[in-house]
Amino acid sequence: MKKYLIPSIVIIIIIAALFAFNRKTEVISPSSVTEIYQNTHFFSFQHASTTHIAESSTEKGDLVMVNAAQGIFQIYITAYDEDPPTLSVERIIKDIPELQIKDSKLITVTTGLEGLSFISENESGKETREIWFVNRGFLYQISALIESELFLEETIKTWKVID
């Protein structure tokens, strides 16, 4: 797991820094939700038609960048083959001892799927909201600068696991 987590944190930091400037946080209103993003990694979520979503792939994983007027976040997806497929603060710290984890709590991402939510800090010293979970053999690492936390939380409320 460590070989996937460290590169993912570096990617998270670089991309977050690129999109970090001049963002304001607004709540997604039901009337602004007009589209559904669907990914080959078994998930979908609702978003406004003006939201820009970009995908890229590497040998180590896939990255989805979500950029809207309300904020930005990214989803880094890597293979996860541990059995049982659980994720905890202790497990993350075992692989990434330098990662700061504050205010961790279990959350329900969607029906039947729990994740670990926590606050961390990127290399620039900016706080990030992280939501990590495992589903169908993949580790999902969702990250947003704290200024985009509300946007991330509102989007996660629309998250669905698809078959």
Protein backbone atom coordinates (compact mmCIF):
# COMPACT_ATOMS: atom_id res chain seq x y z
CA MET A 1 0.00 0.00 0.00
CA LYS A 2 2.89 2.38 0.79
CA LYS A 3 4.14 2.36 -2.79
CA TYR A 4 0.80 3.85 -3.87
CA LEU A 5 0.18 6.29 -1.03
CA ILE A 6 3.37 8.35 -1.23
CA PRO A 7 3.08 9.12 -4.99
CA SER A 8 -0.58 9.90 -4.51
CA ILE A 9 0.17 12.46 -1.80
CA VAL A 10 2.73 14.16 -4.06
CA ILE A 11 0.17 14.31 -6.89
CA ILE A 12 -2.48 15.65 -4.49
CA ILE A 13 -0.19 18.43 -3.31
CA ILE A 14 0.89 19.49 -6.79
CA ILE A 15 -2.59 19.61 -8.24
CA ALA A 16 -4.11 21.26 -5.19
CA ALA A 17 -1.49 23.99 -5.39
CA LEU A 18 -2.31 24.60 -9.06
CA PHE A 19 -6.00 25.18 -8.36
CA ALA A 20 -5.82 26.74 -4.90
CA PHE A 21 -6.10 30.40 -5.75
CA ASN A 22 -9.25 32.54 -5.65
CA ARG A 23 -11.79 29.88 -4.78
CA LYS A 24 -14.92 30.52 -2.78
CA THR A 25 -17.07 27.88 -1.16
CA GLU A 26 -20.76 27.70 -1.98
CA VAL A 27 -23.32 25.00 -1.38
CA ILE A 28 -24.49 23.02 -4.40
CA SER A 29 -28.17 23.78 -4.70
CA PRO A 30 -30.44 21.05 -6.08
CA SER A 31 -31.41 23.32 -8.96
CA SER A 32 -27.76 23.62 -10.05
CA VAL A 33 -27.27 19.85 -10.26
CA THR A 34 -27.87 18.99 -13.88
CA GLU A 35 -25.38 16.24 -14.70
CA ILE A 36 -24.05 12.99 -13.32
CA TYR A 37 -20.37 12.09 -13.57
CA GLN A 38 -19.81 8.34 -13.89
CA ASN A 39 -16.42 6.67 -13.59
CA THR A 40 -15.18 3.23 -14.62
CA HIS A 41 -14.10 2.68 -11.01
CA PHE A 42 -17.70 2.01 -9.92
CA PHE A 43 -18.87 5.41 -8.73
CA SER A 44 -20.89 8.42 -9.79
CA PHE A 45 -21.80 11.81 -8.34
CA GLN A 46 -23.94 14.78 -9.28
CA HIS A 47 -22.52 18.12 -10.35
CA ALA A 48 -23.47 21.41 -11.97
CA SER A 49 -23.19 21.64 -15.73
CA THR A 50 -20.47 24.28 -15.35
CA THR A 51 -18.21 21.92 -13.37
CA HIS A 52 -15.02 20.92 -15.16
CA ILE A 53 -13.92 17.32 -14.62
CA ALA A 54 -10.58 16.04 -15.92
CA GLU A 55 -9.23 12.51 -15.79
CA SER A 56 -5.71 11.17 -16.19
CA SER A 57 -4.05 7.80 -15.71
CA THR A 58 -0.59 6.60 -14.76
CA GLU A 59 0.87 3.17 -14.12
CA LYS A 60 0.17 3.66 -10.41
CA GLY A 61 -3.40 4.96 -10.51
CA ASP A 62 -6.07 7.20 -11.92
CA LEU A 63 -6.75 10.82 -11.05
CA VAL A 64 -10.04 12.71 -11.32
CA MET A 65 -9.93 16.48 -10.85
CA VAL A 66 -13.21 18.27 -10.09
CA ASN A 67 -13.12 22.05 -10.55
CA ALA A 68 -16.16 24.29 -10.04
CA ALA A 69 -16.96 27.80 -8.89
CA GLN A 70 -17.75 26.32 -5.46
CA GLY A 71 -14.30 24.74 -5.08
CA ILE A 72 -12.05 21.96 -6.22
CA PHE A 73 -11.15 18.47 -5.13
CA GLN A 74 -9.40 15.46 -6.55
CA ILE A 75 -9.87 11.74 -6.37
CA TYR A 76 -6.82 9.49 -6.63
CA ILE A 77 -7.68 5.84 -7.26
CA THR A 78 -5.21 2.97 -6.88
CA ALA A 79 -5.46 -0.80 -6.70
CA TYR A 80 -5.83 -2.07 -3.13
CA ASP A 81 -5.34 -5.77 -2.61
CA GLU A 82 -5.20 -6.16 1.15
CA ASP A 83 -7.55 -8.59 2.82
CA PRO A 84 -9.64 -7.60 4.64
CA PRO A 85 -10.01 -4.30 2.76
CA THR A 86 -10.13 -1.98 5.77
CA LEU A 87 -8.61 1.42 6.28
CA SER A 88 -7.75 3.06 9.59
CA VAL A 89 -5.61 5.89 10.91
CA GLU A 90 -3.19 3.31 12.28
CA ARG A 91 -2.92 1.60 8.88
CA ILE A 92 -2.25 4.89 7.07
CA ILE A 93 0.36 6.00 9.63
CA LYS A 94 2.09 2.63 9.29
CA ASP A 95 2.67 3.35 5.59
CA ILE A 96 3.05 7.14 5.78
CA PRO A 97 4.38 8.04 9.26
CA GLU A 98 5.02 11.67 8.23
CA LEU A 99 1.38 12.27 7.26
CA GLN A 100 -0.43 14.51 9.73
CA ILE A 101 -3.90 13.25 10.60
CA LYS A 102 -6.23 15.39 12.75
CA ASP A 103 -9.90 15.13 13.63
CA SER A 104 -10.33 11.71 12.07
CA LYS A 105 -13.75 10.10 12.01
CA LEU A 106 -15.59 7.34 10.21
CA ILE A 107 -18.21 8.62 7.79
CA THR A 108 -20.79 7.05 5.55
CA VAL A 109 -19.82 7.81 1.96
CA THR A 110 -22.95 6.15 0.64
CA THR A 111 -25.21 3.31 1.75
CA GLY A 112 -23.04 0.40 2.82
CA LEU A 113 -19.74 2.20 2.28
CA GLU A 114 -17.78 3.79 5.10
CA GLY A 115 -14.74 5.99 4.77
CA LEU A 116 -12.20 7.75 6.93
CA SER A 117 -12.43 11.54 6.99
CA PHE A 118 -9.61 13.62 8.44
CA ILE A 119 -7.78 16.91 8.19
CA SER A 120 -4.19 16.89 7.01
CA GLU A 121 -1.70 19.41 5.73
CA ASN A 122 -0.02 19.66 2.34
CA GLU A 123 3.63 20.57 1.75
CA SER A 124 2.70 24.24 1.48
CA GLY A 125 1.33 24.13 5.02
CA LYS A 126 -2.29 24.43 3.87
CA GLU A 127 -4.94 22.32 5.55
CA THR A 128 -6.75 19.73 3.49
CA ARG A 129 -9.90 17.69 4.05
CA GLU A 130 -9.25 14.07 3.16
CA ILE A 131 -11.81 11.32 2.65
CA TRP A 132 -10.29 7.89 2.04
CA PHE A 133 -12.09 4.58 1.58
CA VAL A 134 -11.76 1.17 -0.03
CA ASN A 135 -14.29 -0.31 -2.45
CA ARG A 136 -14.12 -3.23 -4.92
CA GLY A 137 -10.36 -3.58 -4.77
CA PHE A 138 -9.57 0.13 -5.07
CA LEU A 139 -8.35 2.76 -2.61
CA TYR A 140 -10.04 6.12 -3.15
CA GLN A 141 -8.17 9.13 -1.75
CA ILE A 142 -10.27 12.27 -2.04
CA SER A 143 -8.56 15.52 -1.16
CA ALA A 144 -9.61 19.17 -1.06
CA LEU A 145 -8.07 22.30 0.36
CA ILE A 146 -9.98 23.27 3.49
CA GLU A 147 -11.51 26.22 1.59
CA SER A 148 -13.28 23.66 -0.64
CA GLU A 149 -14.40 21.43 2.22
CA LEU A 150 -18.09 22.36 2.00
CA PHE A 151 -18.11 21.74 -1.77
CA LEU A 152 -16.53 18.32 -1.22
CA GLU A 153 -19.00 17.40 1.53
CA GLU A 154 -21.99 18.44 -0.58
CA THR A 155 -20.71 16.45 -3.56
CA ILE A 156 -20.04 13.35 -1.42
CA LYS A 157 -23.70 13.42 -0.38
CA THR A 158 -24.56 12.61 -4.02
CA TRP A 159 -21.95 9.81 -4.34
CA LYS A 160 -23.29 6.48 -5.58
CA VAL A 161 -21.64 3.10 -6.04
CA ILE A 162 -22.52 1.66 -9.43
CA ASP A 163 -22.38 -1.88 -10.77
